[in-house]
Amino acid sequence: MRLYYHPRSSNSRRVLLTAHHLGLNLELAMVDLSRGEHKTPEFLRLNPNGKIPILVDRAFQLWESHAIMQYLADDSPEQDIYPREVSARADVNRWLFWSAYHFAPAAGLIIRERVSKGIVAGLGAPDPLEIARGEALLPVAALVLDRHLAGKKWIAQDRLTLADFAVAAPLMHTAAAQLPVTEFDNLQAWFARVQSLDAWAKSNV
């Protein structure tokens, strides 16, 4: 399997976290965002959205990082991070959707302005209004997570799951993007546990 990715992409990071935890040896193909390789006709044939990551497994092409995470887990018979029992899986899915709809977009507003615009060609200068919008939205989402994590080690099912990898990935930019999440003690304790995992170290490519 080949993964088209960029090392500074948090969407790529959640897929790499999953792959390393599962012991998968993906072929990595870095997409040079600074040269606009994600907008070339060849790339757009893989993903018409012009986004990374993309997983290519033989003739099957899959984009959307949360979907790739699920696919890799489902394709690994001995996996332990994506429950097969219906309600347990629904619990993990709940947080995957929350990650995709609430947490990652809020963090992404700030990351785009303070990080991505220094990497990706043609994005222009940082927009203070977008930064302010992210700084208003992200603490609201972070508070939901922080309260949920009170007395818990992991986000779902009292064990490490895809939910932890999905939500943790944007936090790789906490310092560089100055994400307003450092005041949330439960969140920070959980994130420290994620950072202590072998998969976190190995995914720092």
N, C-alpha and C. Protein backbone atom coordinates (compact mmCIF):
# COMPACT_ATOMS: atom_id res chain seq x y z
N MET A 1 0.84 -1.19 0.00
CA MET A 1 0.00 0.00 0.00
C MET A 1 0.88 1.25 0.00
N ARG A 2 0.46 2.23 -0.77
CA ARG A 2 1.21 3.49 -0.85
C ARG A 2 0.38 4.61 -0.23
N LEU A 3 1.05 5.45 0.57
CA LEU A 3 0.40 6.60 1.17
C LEU A 3 1.03 7.87 0.64
N TYR A 4 0.22 8.70 0.01
CA TYR A 4 0.65 10.03 -0.40
C TYR A 4 0.40 10.96 0.79
N TYR A 5 1.45 11.65 1.22
CA TYR A 5 1.38 12.36 2.49
C TYR A 5 2.32 13.56 2.48
N HIS A 6 2.27 14.34 3.57
CA HIS A 6 3.28 15.36 3.84
C HIS A 6 3.58 15.29 5.33
N PRO A 7 4.86 15.38 5.75
CA PRO A 7 5.20 15.22 7.16
C PRO A 7 4.63 16.28 8.09
N ARG A 8 4.28 17.45 7.56
CA ARG A 8 3.71 18.51 8.42
C ARG A 8 2.18 18.50 8.41
N SER A 9 1.60 17.53 7.75
CA SER A 9 0.14 17.43 7.65
C SER A 9 -0.41 16.60 8.81
N SER A 10 -1.27 17.20 9.62
CA SER A 10 -1.87 16.44 10.72
C SER A 10 -2.84 15.39 10.21
N ASN A 11 -3.45 15.61 9.06
CA ASN A 11 -4.30 14.58 8.46
C ASN A 11 -3.47 13.36 8.08
N SER A 12 -2.28 13.61 7.54
CA SER A 12 -1.37 12.50 7.27
C SER A 12 -0.93 11.83 8.56
N ARG A 13 -0.71 12.63 9.60
CA ARG A 13 -0.18 12.09 10.86
C ARG A 13 -1.12 11.07 11.48
N ARG A 14 -2.42 11.31 11.43
CA ARG A 14 -3.33 10.35 12.06
C ARG A 14 -3.31 9.02 11.32
N VAL A 15 -3.09 9.05 10.01
CA VAL A 15 -2.98 7.81 9.26
C VAL A 15 -1.67 7.10 9.60
N LEU A 16 -0.59 7.85 9.69
CA LEU A 16 0.70 7.25 10.04
C LEU A 16 0.67 6.66 11.45
N LEU A 17 0.02 7.34 12.38
CA LEU A 17 -0.13 6.80 13.73
C LEU A 17 -0.81 5.43 13.69
N THR A 18 -1.87 5.35 12.92
CA THR A 18 -2.62 4.10 12.80
C THR A 18 -1.76 3.02 12.18
N ALA A 19 -1.09 3.35 11.10
CA ALA A 19 -0.27 2.36 10.40
C ALA A 19 0.85 1.83 11.29
N HIS A 20 1.52 2.72 11.99
CA HIS A 20 2.61 2.27 12.85
C HIS A 20 2.11 1.42 14.01
N HIS A 21 0.98 1.81 14.59
CA HIS A 21 0.43 0.99 15.67
C HIS A 21 0.08 -0.41 15.16
N LEU A 22 -0.41 -0.50 13.95
CA LEU A 22 -0.82 -1.78 13.38
C LEU A 22 0.37 -2.57 12.82
N GLY A 23 1.53 -1.95 12.79
CA GLY A 23 2.71 -2.63 12.27
C GLY A 23 2.73 -2.74 10.76
N LEU A 24 2.06 -1.81 10.08
CA LEU A 24 1.99 -1.83 8.62
C LEU A 24 3.19 -1.09 8.03
N ASN A 25 3.72 -1.62 6.98
CA ASN A 25 4.85 -1.01 6.30
C ASN A 25 4.35 -0.34 5.02
N LEU A 26 3.85 0.88 5.16
CA LEU A 26 3.33 1.59 4.00
C LEU A 26 4.48 2.17 3.17
N GLU A 27 4.28 2.16 1.87
CA GLU A 27 5.20 2.88 0.99
C GLU A 27 4.82 4.35 1.03
N LEU A 28 5.74 5.21 1.45
CA LEU A 28 5.43 6.62 1.61
C LEU A 28 5.86 7.42 0.38
N ALA A 29 4.93 8.20 -0.14
CA ALA A 29 5.20 9.08 -1.28
C ALA A 29 4.91 10.51 -0.85
N MET A 30 5.96 11.28 -0.59
CA MET A 30 5.74 12.65 -0.12
C MET A 30 5.28 13.55 -1.25
N VAL A 31 4.24 14.32 -0.98
CA VAL A 31 3.71 15.29 -1.93
C VAL A 31 4.27 16.65 -1.55
N ASP A 32 4.99 17.28 -2.48
CA ASP A 32 5.63 18.57 -2.21
C ASP A 32 4.59 19.69 -2.33
N LEU A 33 4.04 20.08 -1.20
CA LEU A 33 2.99 21.10 -1.20
C LEU A 33 3.54 22.47 -1.60
N SER A 34 4.81 22.70 -1.31
CA SER A 34 5.40 24.00 -1.63
C SER A 34 5.51 24.22 -3.13
N ARG A 35 5.52 23.13 -3.88
CA ARG A 35 5.60 23.22 -5.34
C ARG A 35 4.25 22.96 -6.01
N GLY A 36 3.21 22.84 -5.19
CA GLY A 36 1.87 22.65 -5.74
C GLY A 36 1.61 21.29 -6.34
N GLU A 37 2.35 20.27 -5.89
CA GLU A 37 2.16 18.94 -6.48
C GLU A 37 0.77 18.37 -6.21
N HIS A 38 0.09 18.89 -5.18
CA HIS A 38 -1.26 18.40 -4.86
C HIS A 38 -2.31 18.95 -5.80
N LYS A 39 -1.91 19.85 -6.71
CA LYS A 39 -2.86 20.45 -7.66
C LYS A 39 -2.56 20.03 -9.10
N THR A 40 -1.63 19.13 -9.29
CA THR A 40 -1.29 18.69 -10.65
C THR A 40 -2.39 17.77 -11.19
N PRO A 41 -2.53 17.66 -12.51
CA PRO A 41 -3.54 16.74 -13.07
C PRO A 41 -3.35 15.31 -12.61
N GLU A 42 -2.10 14.87 -12.46
CA GLU A 42 -1.83 13.50 -12.02
C GLU A 42 -2.37 13.27 -10.61
N PHE A 43 -2.13 14.24 -9.73
CA PHE A 43 -2.60 14.10 -8.36
C PHE A 43 -4.12 14.19 -8.28
N LEU A 44 -4.70 15.09 -9.04
CA LEU A 44 -6.15 15.27 -9.00
C LEU A 44 -6.89 14.05 -9.52
N ARG A 45 -6.21 13.21 -10.27
CA ARG A 45 -6.83 11.95 -10.68
C ARG A 45 -6.93 10.99 -9.50
N LEU A 46 -6.03 11.15 -8.53
CA LEU A 46 -6.09 10.33 -7.32
C LEU A 46 -7.11 10.90 -6.33
N ASN A 47 -7.12 12.22 -6.19
CA ASN A 47 -8.07 12.88 -5.29
C ASN A 47 -8.50 14.19 -5.92
N PRO A 48 -9.72 14.26 -6.42
CA PRO A 48 -10.18 15.49 -7.08
C PRO A 48 -10.26 16.69 -6.15
N ASN A 49 -10.18 16.45 -4.84
CA ASN A 49 -10.18 17.55 -3.87
C ASN A 49 -8.82 18.24 -3.77
N GLY A 50 -7.78 17.60 -4.33
CA GLY A 50 -6.45 18.17 -4.23
C GLY A 50 -5.92 18.21 -2.81
N LYS A 51 -6.22 17.17 -2.04
CA LYS A 51 -5.81 17.12 -0.62
C LYS A 51 -5.03 15.83 -0.34
N ILE A 52 -4.25 15.89 0.73
CA ILE A 52 -3.61 14.69 1.25
C ILE A 52 -4.20 14.39 2.63
N PRO A 53 -4.08 13.11 3.04
CA PRO A 53 -3.42 11.97 2.42
C PRO A 53 -4.33 11.21 1.47
N ILE A 54 -3.70 10.34 0.69
CA ILE A 54 -4.41 9.38 -0.16
C ILE A 54 -3.74 8.03 0.03
N LEU A 55 -4.54 7.00 0.21
CA LEU A 55 -4.04 5.63 0.27
C LEU A 55 -4.37 4.92 -1.03
N VAL A 56 -3.38 4.30 -1.62
CA VAL A 56 -3.59 3.50 -2.81
C VAL A 56 -3.25 2.05 -2.47
N ASP A 57 -4.26 1.20 -2.53
CA ASP A 57 -4.11 -0.22 -2.23
C ASP A 57 -4.50 -1.00 -3.47
N ARG A 58 -3.47 -1.37 -4.25
CA ARG A 58 -3.69 -2.00 -5.55
C ARG A 58 -4.54 -1.06 -6.42
N ALA A 59 -5.74 -1.48 -6.84
CA ALA A 59 -6.54 -0.64 -7.72
C ALA A 59 -7.46 0.31 -6.94
N PHE A 60 -7.44 0.21 -5.61
CA PHE A 60 -8.35 1.00 -4.79
C PHE A 60 -7.66 2.26 -4.29
N GLN A 61 -8.31 3.40 -4.48
CA GLN A 61 -7.78 4.68 -4.02
C GLN A 61 -8.75 5.26 -2.99
N LEU A 62 -8.21 5.66 -1.84
CA LEU A 62 -9.06 6.15 -0.76
C LEU A 62 -8.50 7.45 -0.20
N TRP A 63 -9.35 8.49 -0.17
CA TRP A 63 -8.98 9.73 0.50
C TRP A 63 -9.92 9.97 1.67
N GLU A 64 -9.59 10.98 2.47
CA GLU A 64 -10.20 11.31 3.76
C GLU A 64 -9.52 10.50 4.86
N SER A 65 -8.77 11.20 5.70
CA SER A 65 -7.89 10.54 6.66
C SER A 65 -8.63 9.62 7.64
N HIS A 66 -9.79 10.04 8.11
CA HIS A 66 -10.52 9.20 9.06
C HIS A 66 -10.99 7.91 8.39
N ALA A 67 -11.38 7.99 7.13
CA ALA A 67 -11.78 6.79 6.39
C ALA A 67 -10.59 5.87 6.17
N ILE A 68 -9.41 6.44 5.90
CA ILE A 68 -8.21 5.63 5.71
C ILE A 68 -7.86 4.90 7.00
N MET A 69 -7.97 5.59 8.14
CA MET A 69 -7.72 4.94 9.43
C MET A 69 -8.62 3.71 9.61
N GLN A 70 -9.89 3.88 9.35
CA GLN A 70 -10.84 2.78 9.49
C GLN A 70 -10.50 1.64 8.55
N TYR A 71 -10.14 1.97 7.33
CA TYR A 71 -9.80 0.96 6.33
C TYR A 71 -8.60 0.13 6.77
N LEU A 72 -7.55 0.82 7.24
CA LEU A 72 -6.35 0.11 7.68
C LEU A 72 -6.65 -0.82 8.85
N ALA A 73 -7.46 -0.35 9.78
CA ALA A 73 -7.83 -1.20 10.92
C ALA A 73 -8.67 -2.39 10.48
N ASP A 74 -9.65 -2.14 9.63
CA ASP A 74 -10.51 -3.23 9.16
C ASP A 74 -9.75 -4.26 8.35
N ASP A 75 -8.67 -3.82 7.71
CA ASP A 75 -7.87 -4.72 6.88
C ASP A 75 -6.80 -5.47 7.70
N SER A 76 -6.77 -5.24 9.01
CA SER A 76 -5.78 -5.87 9.89
C SER A 76 -6.51 -6.79 10.87
N PRO A 77 -6.53 -8.09 10.61
CA PRO A 77 -7.35 -9.03 11.42
C PRO A 77 -7.04 -9.00 12.90
N GLU A 78 -5.79 -8.74 13.28
CA GLU A 78 -5.42 -8.79 14.69
C GLU A 78 -5.46 -7.43 15.37
N GLN A 79 -6.06 -6.45 14.74
CA GLN A 79 -6.04 -5.08 15.28
C GLN A 79 -6.82 -4.98 16.59
N ASP A 80 -6.41 -3.99 17.42
CA ASP A 80 -7.02 -3.82 18.74
C ASP A 80 -7.48 -2.39 18.99
N ILE A 81 -7.59 -1.57 17.93
CA ILE A 81 -7.91 -0.15 18.12
C ILE A 81 -9.23 0.27 17.48
N TYR A 82 -9.95 -0.67 16.87
CA TYR A 82 -11.23 -0.34 16.25
C TYR A 82 -12.20 -1.48 16.55
N PRO A 83 -12.98 -1.37 17.65
CA PRO A 83 -13.81 -2.48 18.10
C PRO A 83 -14.76 -2.98 17.01
N ARG A 84 -15.04 -4.26 17.07
CA ARG A 84 -15.97 -4.85 16.09
C ARG A 84 -17.39 -4.93 16.64
N GLU A 85 -17.53 -4.96 17.97
CA GLU A 85 -18.86 -4.99 18.57
C GLU A 85 -19.57 -3.66 18.27
N VAL A 86 -20.86 -3.72 17.97
CA VAL A 86 -21.56 -2.60 17.37
C VAL A 86 -21.54 -1.34 18.24
N SER A 87 -21.91 -1.44 19.50
CA SER A 87 -21.97 -0.23 20.32
C SER A 87 -20.57 0.31 20.62
N ALA A 88 -19.60 -0.57 20.79
CA ALA A 88 -18.23 -0.12 21.05
C ALA A 88 -17.68 0.61 19.83
N ARG A 89 -17.96 0.06 18.65
CA ARG A 89 -17.50 0.73 17.43
C ARG A 89 -18.22 2.06 17.25
N ALA A 90 -19.49 2.12 17.58
CA ALA A 90 -20.24 3.37 17.47
C ALA A 90 -19.65 4.43 18.39
N ASP A 91 -19.18 4.02 19.55
CA ASP A 91 -18.56 4.96 20.48
C ASP A 91 -17.30 5.56 19.85
N VAL A 92 -16.47 4.72 19.25
CA VAL A 92 -15.27 5.22 18.58
C VAL A 92 -15.66 6.11 17.39
N ASN A 93 -16.64 5.65 16.61
CA ASN A 93 -17.08 6.45 15.45
C ASN A 93 -17.59 7.82 15.86
N ARG A 94 -18.28 7.87 16.98
CA ARG A 94 -18.77 9.15 17.50
C ARG A 94 -17.63 10.16 17.60
N TRP A 95 -16.50 9.71 18.15
CA TRP A 95 -15.36 10.61 18.32
C TRP A 95 -14.60 10.86 17.03
N LEU A 96 -14.63 9.90 16.11
CA LEU A 96 -14.04 10.16 14.79
C LEU A 96 -14.81 11.25 14.06
N PHE A 97 -16.14 11.19 14.12
CA PHE A 97 -16.95 12.23 13.49
C PHE A 97 -16.78 13.57 14.22
N TRP A 98 -16.68 13.52 15.53
CA TRP A 98 -16.45 14.75 16.30
C TRP A 98 -15.11 15.37 15.93
N SER A 99 -14.11 14.52 15.79
CA SER A 99 -12.80 14.99 15.34
C SER A 99 -12.90 15.68 13.99
N ALA A 100 -13.58 15.03 13.05
CA ALA A 100 -13.65 15.55 11.68
C ALA A 100 -14.51 16.80 11.56
N TYR A 101 -15.52 16.91 12.42
CA TYR A 101 -16.48 18.01 12.26
C TYR A 101 -16.25 19.16 13.23
N HIS A 102 -15.71 18.88 14.40
CA HIS A 102 -15.56 19.92 15.43
C HIS A 102 -14.10 20.26 15.74
N PHE A 103 -13.35 19.27 16.23
CA PHE A 103 -12.03 19.56 16.77
C PHE A 103 -11.01 19.92 15.69
N ALA A 104 -10.87 19.05 14.70
CA ALA A 104 -9.86 19.29 13.66
C ALA A 104 -10.14 20.57 12.86
N PRO A 105 -11.38 20.85 12.46
CA PRO A 105 -11.62 22.11 11.74
C PRO A 105 -11.31 23.36 12.57
N ALA A 106 -11.63 23.32 13.86
CA ALA A 106 -11.34 24.48 14.71
C ALA A 106 -9.83 24.68 14.82
N ALA A 107 -9.10 23.60 15.09
CA ALA A 107 -7.64 23.70 15.15
C ALA A 107 -7.08 24.08 13.79
N GLY A 108 -7.71 23.54 12.74
CA GLY A 108 -7.22 23.77 11.39
C GLY A 108 -7.27 25.22 10.96
N LEU A 109 -8.22 25.97 11.46
CA LEU A 109 -8.28 27.40 11.14
C LEU A 109 -6.99 28.10 11.56
N ILE A 110 -6.49 27.75 12.72
CA ILE A 110 -5.27 28.38 13.24
C ILE A 110 -4.04 27.79 12.57
N ILE A 111 -4.04 26.46 12.42
CA ILE A 111 -2.89 25.79 11.80
C ILE A 111 -2.68 26.27 10.37
N ARG A 112 -3.76 26.45 9.65
CA ARG A 112 -3.64 26.93 8.26
C ARG A 112 -2.93 28.28 8.21
N GLU A 113 -3.32 29.17 9.11
CA GLU A 113 -2.77 30.53 9.07
C GLU A 113 -1.33 30.59 9.57
N ARG A 114 -1.03 29.85 10.63
CA ARG A 114 0.28 29.98 11.28
C ARG A 114 1.30 28.94 10.84
N VAL A 115 0.84 27.85 10.22
CA VAL A 115 1.76 26.80 9.79
C VAL A 115 1.67 26.54 8.29
N SER A 116 0.46 26.18 7.83
CA SER A 116 0.31 25.76 6.44
C SER A 116 0.68 26.85 5.44
N LYS A 117 0.39 28.09 5.77
CA LYS A 117 0.69 29.16 4.83
C LYS A 117 2.20 29.39 4.66
N GLY A 118 2.99 28.82 5.54
CA GLY A 118 4.43 28.85 5.38
C GLY A 118 4.96 27.66 4.60
N ILE A 119 4.07 26.73 4.24
CA ILE A 119 4.47 25.50 3.56
C ILE A 119 3.85 25.40 2.17
N VAL A 120 2.56 25.65 2.08
CA VAL A 120 1.80 25.38 0.87
C VAL A 120 1.84 26.57 -0.08
N ALA A 121 2.11 26.30 -1.32
CA ALA A 121 2.19 27.37 -2.32
C ALA A 121 0.83 28.02 -2.54
N GLY A 122 0.84 29.34 -2.65
CA GLY A 122 -0.34 30.08 -3.09
C GLY A 122 -1.40 30.36 -2.05
N LEU A 123 -1.12 30.15 -0.77
CA LEU A 123 -2.14 30.39 0.26
C LEU A 123 -2.15 31.83 0.78
N GLY A 124 -1.11 32.58 0.49
CA GLY A 124 -1.08 33.97 0.91
C GLY A 124 -0.58 34.16 2.33
N ALA A 125 -0.81 35.35 2.84
CA ALA A 125 -0.33 35.71 4.19
C ALA A 125 -1.34 35.28 5.25
N PRO A 126 -0.89 35.09 6.49
CA PRO A 126 -1.81 34.76 7.58
C PRO A 126 -2.92 35.80 7.74
N ASP A 127 -4.12 35.33 7.97
CA ASP A 127 -5.28 36.20 8.13
C ASP A 127 -5.65 36.26 9.61
N PRO A 128 -5.49 37.41 10.24
CA PRO A 128 -5.78 37.51 11.68
C PRO A 128 -7.25 37.24 12.02
N LEU A 129 -8.15 37.50 11.09
CA LEU A 129 -9.56 37.23 11.35
C LEU A 129 -9.83 35.72 11.43
N GLU A 130 -9.14 34.94 10.58
CA GLU A 130 -9.30 33.49 10.63
C GLU A 130 -8.66 32.93 11.89
N ILE A 131 -7.53 33.48 12.29
CA ILE A 131 -6.90 33.06 13.54
C ILE A 131 -7.84 33.32 14.72
N ALA A 132 -8.45 34.49 14.73
CA ALA A 132 -9.38 34.83 15.81
C ALA A 132 -10.58 33.90 15.81
N ARG A 133 -11.05 33.53 14.63
CA ARG A 133 -12.18 32.61 14.54
C ARG A 133 -11.80 31.25 15.13
N GLY A 134 -10.60 30.77 14.79
CA GLY A 134 -10.15 29.51 15.35
C GLY A 134 -9.95 29.57 16.84
N GLU A 135 -9.42 30.71 17.31
CA GLU A 135 -9.18 30.86 18.74
C GLU A 135 -10.47 30.96 19.53
N ALA A 136 -11.56 31.31 18.86
CA ALA A 136 -12.87 31.30 19.53
C ALA A 136 -13.49 29.90 19.54
N LEU A 137 -13.28 29.15 18.46
CA LEU A 137 -13.93 27.85 18.32
C LEU A 137 -13.18 26.72 19.04
N LEU A 138 -11.85 26.74 18.97
CA LEU A 138 -11.08 25.60 19.48
C LEU A 138 -11.24 25.40 20.99
N PRO A 139 -11.20 26.45 21.82
CA PRO A 139 -11.38 26.20 23.26
C PRO A 139 -12.75 25.60 23.61
N VAL A 140 -13.76 25.91 22.82
CA VAL A 140 -15.08 25.32 23.06
C VAL A 140 -15.03 23.81 22.86
N ALA A 141 -14.40 23.39 21.76
CA ALA A 141 -14.26 21.96 21.50
C ALA A 141 -13.33 21.31 22.51
N ALA A 142 -12.24 22.00 22.83
CA ALA A 142 -11.26 21.45 23.78
C ALA A 142 -11.90 21.24 25.15
N LEU A 143 -12.80 22.12 25.55
CA LEU A 143 -13.47 21.98 26.84
C LEU A 143 -14.35 20.73 26.86
N VAL A 144 -15.01 20.44 25.75
CA VAL A 144 -15.82 19.21 25.67
C VAL A 144 -14.93 18.00 25.90
N LEU A 145 -13.79 17.98 25.21
CA LEU A 145 -12.87 16.86 25.36
C LEU A 145 -12.28 16.80 26.76
N ASP A 146 -11.89 17.94 27.29
CA ASP A 146 -11.28 17.98 28.62
C ASP A 146 -12.23 17.44 29.68
N ARG A 147 -13.48 17.84 29.62
CA ARG A 147 -14.46 17.35 30.60
C ARG A 147 -14.70 15.86 30.43
N HIS A 148 -14.74 15.41 29.18
CA HIS A 148 -14.95 13.98 28.92
C HIS A 148 -13.81 13.14 29.48
N LEU A 149 -12.60 13.68 29.41
CA LEU A 149 -11.41 12.93 29.82
C LEU A 149 -11.18 12.89 31.33
N ALA A 150 -11.98 13.61 32.08
CA ALA A 150 -11.82 13.60 33.54
C ALA A 150 -11.95 12.16 34.06
N GLY A 151 -10.91 11.66 34.70
CA GLY A 151 -10.93 10.31 35.23
C GLY A 151 -10.73 9.22 34.20
N LYS A 152 -10.42 9.61 32.96
CA LYS A 152 -10.23 8.63 31.89
C LYS A 152 -8.79 8.68 31.38
N LYS A 153 -8.31 7.52 30.93
CA LYS A 153 -6.98 7.45 30.34
C LYS A 153 -7.02 7.70 28.84
N TRP A 154 -8.07 7.17 28.20
CA TRP A 154 -8.22 7.28 26.75
C TRP A 154 -9.62 7.80 26.42
N ILE A 155 -9.83 8.19 25.18
CA ILE A 155 -11.08 8.85 24.81
C ILE A 155 -12.27 7.89 24.81
N ALA A 156 -12.10 6.70 24.24
CA ALA A 156 -13.24 5.78 24.07
C ALA A 156 -12.92 4.40 24.61
N GLN A 157 -13.91 3.75 25.16
CA GLN A 157 -13.83 2.33 25.53
C GLN A 157 -12.74 1.98 26.54
N ASP A 158 -12.27 2.97 27.28
CA ASP A 158 -11.26 2.74 28.32
C ASP A 158 -9.99 2.08 27.78
N ARG A 159 -9.72 2.30 26.50
CA ARG A 159 -8.47 1.79 25.91
C ARG A 159 -8.12 2.62 24.69
N LEU A 160 -6.90 2.47 24.26
CA LEU A 160 -6.43 3.18 23.07
C LEU A 160 -7.22 2.74 21.85
N THR A 161 -7.73 3.71 21.11
CA THR A 161 -8.48 3.41 19.88
C THR A 161 -8.14 4.43 18.80
N LEU A 162 -8.75 4.25 17.64
CA LEU A 162 -8.60 5.21 16.56
C LEU A 162 -8.98 6.62 17.00
N ALA A 163 -9.89 6.72 17.94
CA ALA A 163 -10.34 8.04 18.41
C ALA A 163 -9.17 8.85 18.95
N ASP A 164 -8.28 8.21 19.67
CA ASP A 164 -7.13 8.92 20.23
C ASP A 164 -6.19 9.42 19.15
N PHE A 165 -5.93 8.60 18.16
CA PHE A 165 -5.05 9.02 17.07
C PHE A 165 -5.68 10.15 16.26
N ALA A 166 -6.98 10.05 16.01
CA ALA A 166 -7.66 11.05 15.21
C ALA A 166 -7.62 12.42 15.87
N VAL A 167 -7.95 12.47 17.14
CA VAL A 167 -8.04 13.75 17.84
C VAL A 167 -6.66 14.32 18.15
N ALA A 168 -5.70 13.45 18.42
CA ALA A 168 -4.36 13.92 18.80
C ALA A 168 -3.60 14.55 17.65
N ALA A 169 -3.86 14.10 16.43
CA ALA A 169 -3.02 14.50 15.30
C ALA A 169 -2.85 16.02 15.14
N PRO A 170 -3.91 16.84 15.19
CA PRO A 170 -3.70 18.29 15.02
C PRO A 170 -2.86 18.90 16.13
N LEU A 171 -2.80 18.24 17.28
CA LEU A 171 -2.05 18.79 18.41
C LEU A 171 -0.55 18.72 18.19
N MET A 172 -0.11 18.05 17.12
CA MET A 172 1.31 18.07 16.76
C MET A 172 1.78 19.51 16.51
N HIS A 173 0.82 20.40 16.21
CA HIS A 173 1.15 21.80 15.91
C HIS A 173 0.87 22.73 17.08
N THR A 174 0.72 22.19 18.29
CA THR A 174 0.36 23.02 19.43
C THR A 174 1.29 24.22 19.59
N ALA A 175 2.59 23.98 19.57
CA ALA A 175 3.55 25.07 19.78
C ALA A 175 3.64 25.98 18.56
N ALA A 176 3.82 25.38 17.38
CA ALA A 176 4.03 26.18 16.17
C ALA A 176 2.83 27.05 15.83
N ALA A 177 1.62 26.51 16.06
CA ALA A 177 0.40 27.25 15.74
C ALA A 177 -0.16 28.01 16.93
N GLN A 178 0.49 27.86 18.09
CA GLN A 178 0.03 28.51 19.32
C GLN A 178 -1.45 28.16 19.59
N LEU A 179 -1.73 26.88 19.56
CA LEU A 179 -3.11 26.43 19.77
C LEU A 179 -3.52 26.68 21.22
N PRO A 180 -4.69 27.26 21.44
CA PRO A 180 -5.15 27.58 22.80
C PRO A 180 -5.74 26.37 23.52
N VAL A 181 -4.87 25.39 23.80
CA VAL A 181 -5.34 24.17 24.46
C VAL A 181 -4.52 23.82 25.70
N THR A 182 -3.49 24.61 25.99
CA THR A 182 -2.57 24.23 27.06
C THR A 182 -3.16 24.36 28.46
N GLU A 183 -4.26 25.09 28.59
CA GLU A 183 -4.85 25.27 29.92
C GLU A 183 -5.76 24.12 30.33
N PHE A 184 -5.98 23.17 29.45
CA PHE A 184 -6.90 22.06 29.73
C PHE A 184 -6.10 20.87 30.27
N ASP A 185 -6.15 20.68 31.57
CA ASP A 185 -5.27 19.71 32.22
C ASP A 185 -5.54 18.27 31.81
N ASN A 186 -6.81 17.88 31.74
CA ASN A 186 -7.13 16.50 31.37
C ASN A 186 -6.71 16.23 29.93
N LEU A 187 -6.95 17.18 29.07
CA LEU A 187 -6.55 17.05 27.67
C LEU A 187 -5.03 16.92 27.56
N GLN A 188 -4.30 17.74 28.29
CA GLN A 188 -2.85 17.71 28.22
C GLN A 188 -2.28 16.40 28.78
N ALA A 189 -2.87 15.88 29.83
CA ALA A 189 -2.41 14.60 30.39
C ALA A 189 -2.64 13.47 29.40
N TRP A 190 -3.80 13.50 28.77
CA TRP A 190 -4.10 12.48 27.73
C TRP A 190 -3.14 12.62 26.55
N PHE A 191 -2.90 13.84 26.09
CA PHE A 191 -2.01 14.04 24.95
C PHE A 191 -0.59 13.59 25.28
N ALA A 192 -0.16 13.77 26.50
CA ALA A 192 1.16 13.29 26.91
C ALA A 192 1.22 11.76 26.81
N ARG A 193 0.13 11.09 27.14
CA ARG A 193 0.10 9.62 27.00
C ARG A 193 0.21 9.22 25.54
N VAL A 194 -0.49 9.94 24.66
CA VAL A 194 -0.39 9.64 23.23
C VAL A 194 1.04 9.87 22.75
N GLN A 195 1.65 10.96 23.17
CA GLN A 195 3.02 11.27 22.75
C GLN A 195 4.04 10.26 23.25
N SER A 196 3.71 9.52 24.31
CA SER A 196 4.63 8.52 24.84
C SER A 196 4.56 7.20 24.08
N LEU A 197 3.62 7.06 23.18
CA LEU A 197 3.46 5.82 22.42
C LEU A 197 4.55 5.68 21.36
N ASP A 198 4.95 4.45 21.09
CA ASP A 198 5.91 4.21 20.02
C ASP A 198 5.39 4.72 18.68
N ALA A 199 4.09 4.57 18.46
CA ALA A 199 3.51 5.01 17.19
C ALA A 199 3.69 6.52 16.99
N TRP A 200 3.64 7.30 18.06
CA TRP A 200 3.83 8.75 17.93
C TRP A 200 5.24 9.06 17.48
N ALA A 201 6.22 8.42 18.12
CA ALA A 201 7.61 8.65 17.75
C ALA A 201 7.88 8.20 16.31
N LYS A 202 7.37 7.05 15.95
CA LYS A 202 7.63 6.52 14.61
C LYS A 202 6.93 7.32 13.51
N SER A 203 5.82 7.97 13.86
CA SER A 203 5.07 8.72 12.86
C SER A 203 5.61 10.13 12.65
N ASN A 204 6.62 10.50 13.43
CA ASN A 204 7.23 11.82 13.31
C ASN A 204 8.27 11.78 12.18
N VAL A 205 7.78 11.65 10.95
CA VAL A 205 8.68 11.45 9.79
C VAL A 205 9.03 12.78 9.13
